[in-house]
Amino acid sequence: MLESICNIIEAVWNWSSSFQRADYFSFSGAMVAFSSLCVSYVNFRRDRGHLDVKIGLWHSHDIATGARTGSFIRITAVNSGRRPIVADSVGGFPRWQSIKRFLNRRFPDSFKPVGFFIVEQKVIDELVDRSTGRYKTVKEGDSIQISLPITGPIPSDNAFSKMHKFYVGDSTGREYYAPDHILKKFKKDLKSHA
């Protein structure tokens, strides 16, 4: 085995020593072209919009007394990409629905996914620009923040407790999901709030 490795190294050494000046230029040209392709691919991947979605349970407190005055669910979507995004939906779906959604794309008559959209007026007000009546465009570095106040106790069988994935959708049909660890923490906080 050691002898075969030495033979390979010797063959590569002899091959590179037989290079002419024109061979070095063509080899360096190929390396420049390959690195240019890699840089173009990275720029292509970065040159589109991307929403970072977070959801959490927040509490407001009275500054003077320190007492809790209320609780609310806060949804934040930040455009961390380089292109504007038109966010038009907020929703989620329970466990195993991601598989059904995938199968629905392949076999639409056999598999029907089940999910939900949040259609509360407060969410719609945050997504729609009041002056034009169109969905808001989230530019690079901008964010959308939606606060849903919690009034009274939260039932244990609410839609958020059954949720496996949470997303904000855009006008092209792409869905940007909240990370699993943030969603787990939110569900844990929601359960302890009840």
Protein backbone atom coordinates (compact mmCIF):
# COMPACT_ATOMS: atom_id res chain seq x y z
CA MET A 1 0.00 0.00 0.00
CA LEU A 2 2.78 2.41 0.90
CA GLU A 3 4.49 1.56 -2.38
CA SER A 4 1.35 2.44 -4.39
CA ILE A 5 1.05 5.80 -2.60
CA CYS A 6 4.69 6.54 -3.39
CA ASN A 7 4.05 5.63 -7.05
CA ILE A 8 1.10 8.04 -7.18
CA ILE A 9 3.15 10.86 -5.65
CA GLU A 10 6.00 10.18 -8.07
CA ALA A 11 3.61 10.18 -11.06
CA VAL A 12 2.11 13.53 -9.98
CA TRP A 13 5.58 15.00 -9.44
CA ASN A 14 6.78 13.87 -12.87
CA TRP A 15 3.59 15.10 -14.49
CA SER A 16 3.88 18.60 -12.95
CA SER A 17 7.58 18.87 -13.79
CA SER A 18 6.80 18.23 -17.46
CA PHE A 19 4.49 21.29 -17.63
CA GLN A 20 5.31 23.98 -20.12
CA ARG A 21 4.62 27.66 -19.54
CA ALA A 22 1.43 27.49 -21.64
CA ASP A 23 0.18 24.60 -19.47
CA TYR A 24 0.51 26.71 -16.31
CA PHE A 25 -1.46 29.54 -17.95
CA SER A 26 -4.27 27.25 -19.04
CA PHE A 27 -4.38 25.54 -15.62
CA SER A 28 -4.48 28.90 -13.80
CA GLY A 29 -7.21 30.07 -16.19
CA ALA A 30 -9.30 27.02 -15.33
CA MET A 31 -8.80 27.71 -11.60
CA VAL A 32 -9.88 31.35 -12.03
CA ALA A 33 -12.98 30.25 -13.96
CA PHE A 34 -13.90 27.70 -11.27
CA SER A 35 -13.46 30.20 -8.44
CA SER A 36 -15.54 32.74 -10.40
CA LEU A 37 -18.30 30.15 -10.72
CA CYS A 38 -18.20 29.54 -6.95
CA VAL A 39 -18.41 33.27 -6.16
CA SER A 40 -21.31 33.69 -8.61
CA TYR A 41 -23.20 30.83 -6.96
CA VAL A 42 -22.71 32.33 -3.49
CA ASN A 43 -23.93 35.73 -4.73
CA PHE A 44 -26.95 34.09 -6.36
CA ARG A 45 -27.86 32.36 -3.09
CA ARG A 46 -27.48 35.61 -1.12
CA ASP A 47 -29.24 37.77 -3.70
CA ARG A 48 -32.81 36.96 -2.74
CA GLY A 49 -35.13 37.75 0.11
CA HIS A 50 -35.27 35.63 3.23
CA LEU A 51 -37.43 36.09 6.32
CA ASP A 52 -36.15 35.14 9.77
CA VAL A 53 -39.31 34.24 11.70
CA LYS A 54 -39.63 34.24 15.47
CA ILE A 55 -42.61 33.72 17.75
CA GLY A 56 -42.70 34.18 21.48
CA LEU A 57 -44.78 34.85 24.57
CA TRP A 58 -44.11 38.29 26.02
CA HIS A 59 -45.30 40.00 29.18
CA SER A 60 -45.79 43.69 29.85
CA HIS A 61 -45.04 45.05 33.31
CA ASP A 62 -45.89 48.23 35.18
CA ILE A 63 -42.63 50.14 35.70
CA ALA A 64 -43.67 51.60 39.06
CA THR A 65 -44.87 48.40 40.74
CA GLY A 66 -43.21 45.72 38.62
CA ALA A 67 -46.49 43.83 38.40
CA ARG A 68 -47.44 42.03 35.21
CA THR A 69 -50.09 44.00 33.37
CA GLY A 70 -50.66 41.74 30.40
CA SER A 71 -49.35 39.05 28.08
CA PHE A 72 -49.21 38.83 24.33
CA ILE A 73 -47.97 36.60 21.53
CA ARG A 74 -45.37 38.41 19.44
CA ILE A 75 -44.58 37.35 15.87
CA THR A 76 -41.53 38.91 14.23
CA ALA A 77 -40.34 38.47 10.64
CA VAL A 78 -37.08 40.18 9.59
CA ASN A 79 -35.96 40.30 5.96
CA SER A 80 -32.32 39.18 6.18
CA GLY A 81 -31.99 38.79 2.42
CA ARG A 82 -31.12 41.31 -0.26
CA ARG A 83 -34.47 41.52 -2.09
CA PRO A 84 -37.83 42.85 -0.89
CA ILE A 85 -40.54 40.38 0.14
CA VAL A 86 -44.31 40.82 0.20
CA ALA A 87 -45.48 38.89 3.29
CA ASP A 88 -49.12 37.87 2.93
CA SER A 89 -49.88 35.07 5.37
CA VAL A 90 -49.12 33.80 8.84
CA GLY A 91 -49.92 30.25 9.87
CA GLY A 92 -48.83 26.83 10.91
CA PHE A 93 -49.70 23.17 10.75
CA PRO A 94 -49.72 20.21 13.13
CA ARG A 95 -47.32 17.27 13.20
CA TRP A 96 -47.07 15.02 10.11
CA GLN A 97 -48.67 17.66 7.92
CA SER A 98 -45.34 18.48 6.28
CA ILE A 99 -45.28 14.96 4.81
CA LYS A 100 -48.88 15.33 3.67
CA ARG A 101 -48.06 18.69 2.11
CA PHE A 102 -45.19 17.10 0.17
CA LEU A 103 -47.40 14.21 -0.95
CA ASN A 104 -50.18 16.64 -1.87
CA ARG A 105 -47.87 18.26 -4.43
CA ARG A 106 -47.29 14.85 -6.04
CA PHE A 107 -50.77 13.34 -5.58
CA PRO A 108 -53.27 16.19 -5.10
CA ASP A 109 -56.36 13.97 -5.18
CA SER A 110 -55.18 11.56 -2.47
CA PHE A 111 -53.54 13.71 0.22
CA LYS A 112 -55.10 16.83 1.72
CA PRO A 113 -52.95 18.69 4.25
CA VAL A 114 -54.51 20.33 7.29
CA GLY A 115 -53.18 23.62 8.58
CA PHE A 116 -54.33 27.01 9.73
CA PHE A 117 -53.92 30.68 8.92
CA ILE A 118 -54.15 33.38 11.51
CA VAL A 119 -56.88 35.63 10.16
CA GLU A 120 -57.35 37.84 13.20
CA GLN A 121 -57.88 41.46 12.22
CA LYS A 122 -54.75 42.58 14.10
CA VAL A 123 -52.59 40.28 11.92
CA ILE A 124 -54.23 41.52 8.72
CA ASP A 125 -53.73 45.14 9.82
CA GLU A 126 -49.99 44.52 10.25
CA LEU A 127 -49.63 42.78 6.86
CA VAL A 128 -51.67 45.27 4.80
CA ASP A 129 -50.69 48.88 4.10
CA ARG A 130 -53.72 51.00 5.03
CA SER A 131 -53.03 53.74 2.46
CA THR A 132 -52.88 51.45 -0.59
CA GLY A 133 -54.83 48.41 0.58
CA ARG A 134 -51.99 46.12 -0.61
CA TYR A 135 -49.76 43.83 1.37
CA LYS A 136 -46.69 45.52 2.83
CA THR A 137 -43.31 45.07 1.19
CA VAL A 138 -40.60 44.12 3.66
CA LYS A 139 -37.38 45.66 2.37
CA GLU A 140 -33.86 44.48 3.21
CA GLY A 141 -33.30 44.83 6.96
CA ASP A 142 -36.93 45.76 7.70
CA SER A 143 -39.26 43.73 9.87
CA ILE A 144 -42.91 43.05 10.56
CA GLN A 145 -43.97 42.74 14.18
CA ILE A 146 -47.39 41.44 15.13
CA SER A 147 -48.62 41.45 18.74
CA LEU A 148 -51.66 39.38 19.66
CA PRO A 149 -52.87 40.25 23.17
CA ILE A 150 -53.92 37.38 25.43
CA THR A 151 -57.11 38.09 27.30
CA GLY A 152 -58.00 35.52 29.91
CA PRO A 153 -56.76 31.96 30.30
CA ILE A 154 -55.46 30.03 27.32
CA PRO A 155 -57.24 26.72 26.69
CA SER A 156 -54.93 23.70 26.66
CA ASP A 157 -56.20 22.51 23.26
CA ASN A 158 -55.51 25.74 21.34
CA ALA A 159 -54.12 25.77 17.81
CA PHE A 160 -50.69 26.97 18.97
CA SER A 161 -50.20 24.00 21.33
CA LYS A 162 -50.84 21.51 18.49
CA MET A 163 -48.61 23.39 16.06
CA HIS A 164 -45.55 21.56 14.70
CA LYS A 165 -44.39 24.24 12.26
CA PHE A 166 -45.03 27.98 12.20
CA TYR A 167 -44.41 30.14 9.14
CA VAL A 168 -44.84 33.48 7.45
CA GLY A 169 -45.67 33.16 3.75
CA ASP A 170 -44.93 35.53 0.90
CA SER A 171 -46.74 36.40 -2.31
CA THR A 172 -44.73 33.88 -4.36
CA GLY A 173 -45.87 30.96 -2.21
CA ARG A 174 -42.61 30.50 -0.27
CA GLU A 175 -42.94 29.80 3.43
CA TYR A 176 -40.35 30.95 5.96
CA TYR A 177 -40.40 28.81 9.09
CA ALA A 178 -39.61 29.67 12.69
CA PRO A 179 -36.72 27.53 14.00
CA ASP A 180 -37.77 24.44 15.95
CA HIS A 181 -36.04 25.48 19.18
CA ILE A 182 -37.88 28.82 19.22
CA LEU A 183 -41.21 27.10 18.56
CA LYS A 184 -40.58 24.56 21.35
CA LYS A 185 -39.76 27.34 23.81
CA PHE A 186 -42.90 29.23 22.78
CA LYS A 187 -45.10 26.17 23.31
CA LYS A 188 -43.46 25.51 26.68
CA ASP A 189 -44.02 29.14 27.76
CA LEU A 190 -47.61 28.99 26.54
CA LYS A 191 -48.26 25.81 28.52
CA SER A 192 -46.79 27.33 31.70
CA HIS A 193 -48.85 30.50 31.17
CA ALA A 194 -52.12 28.54 31.30
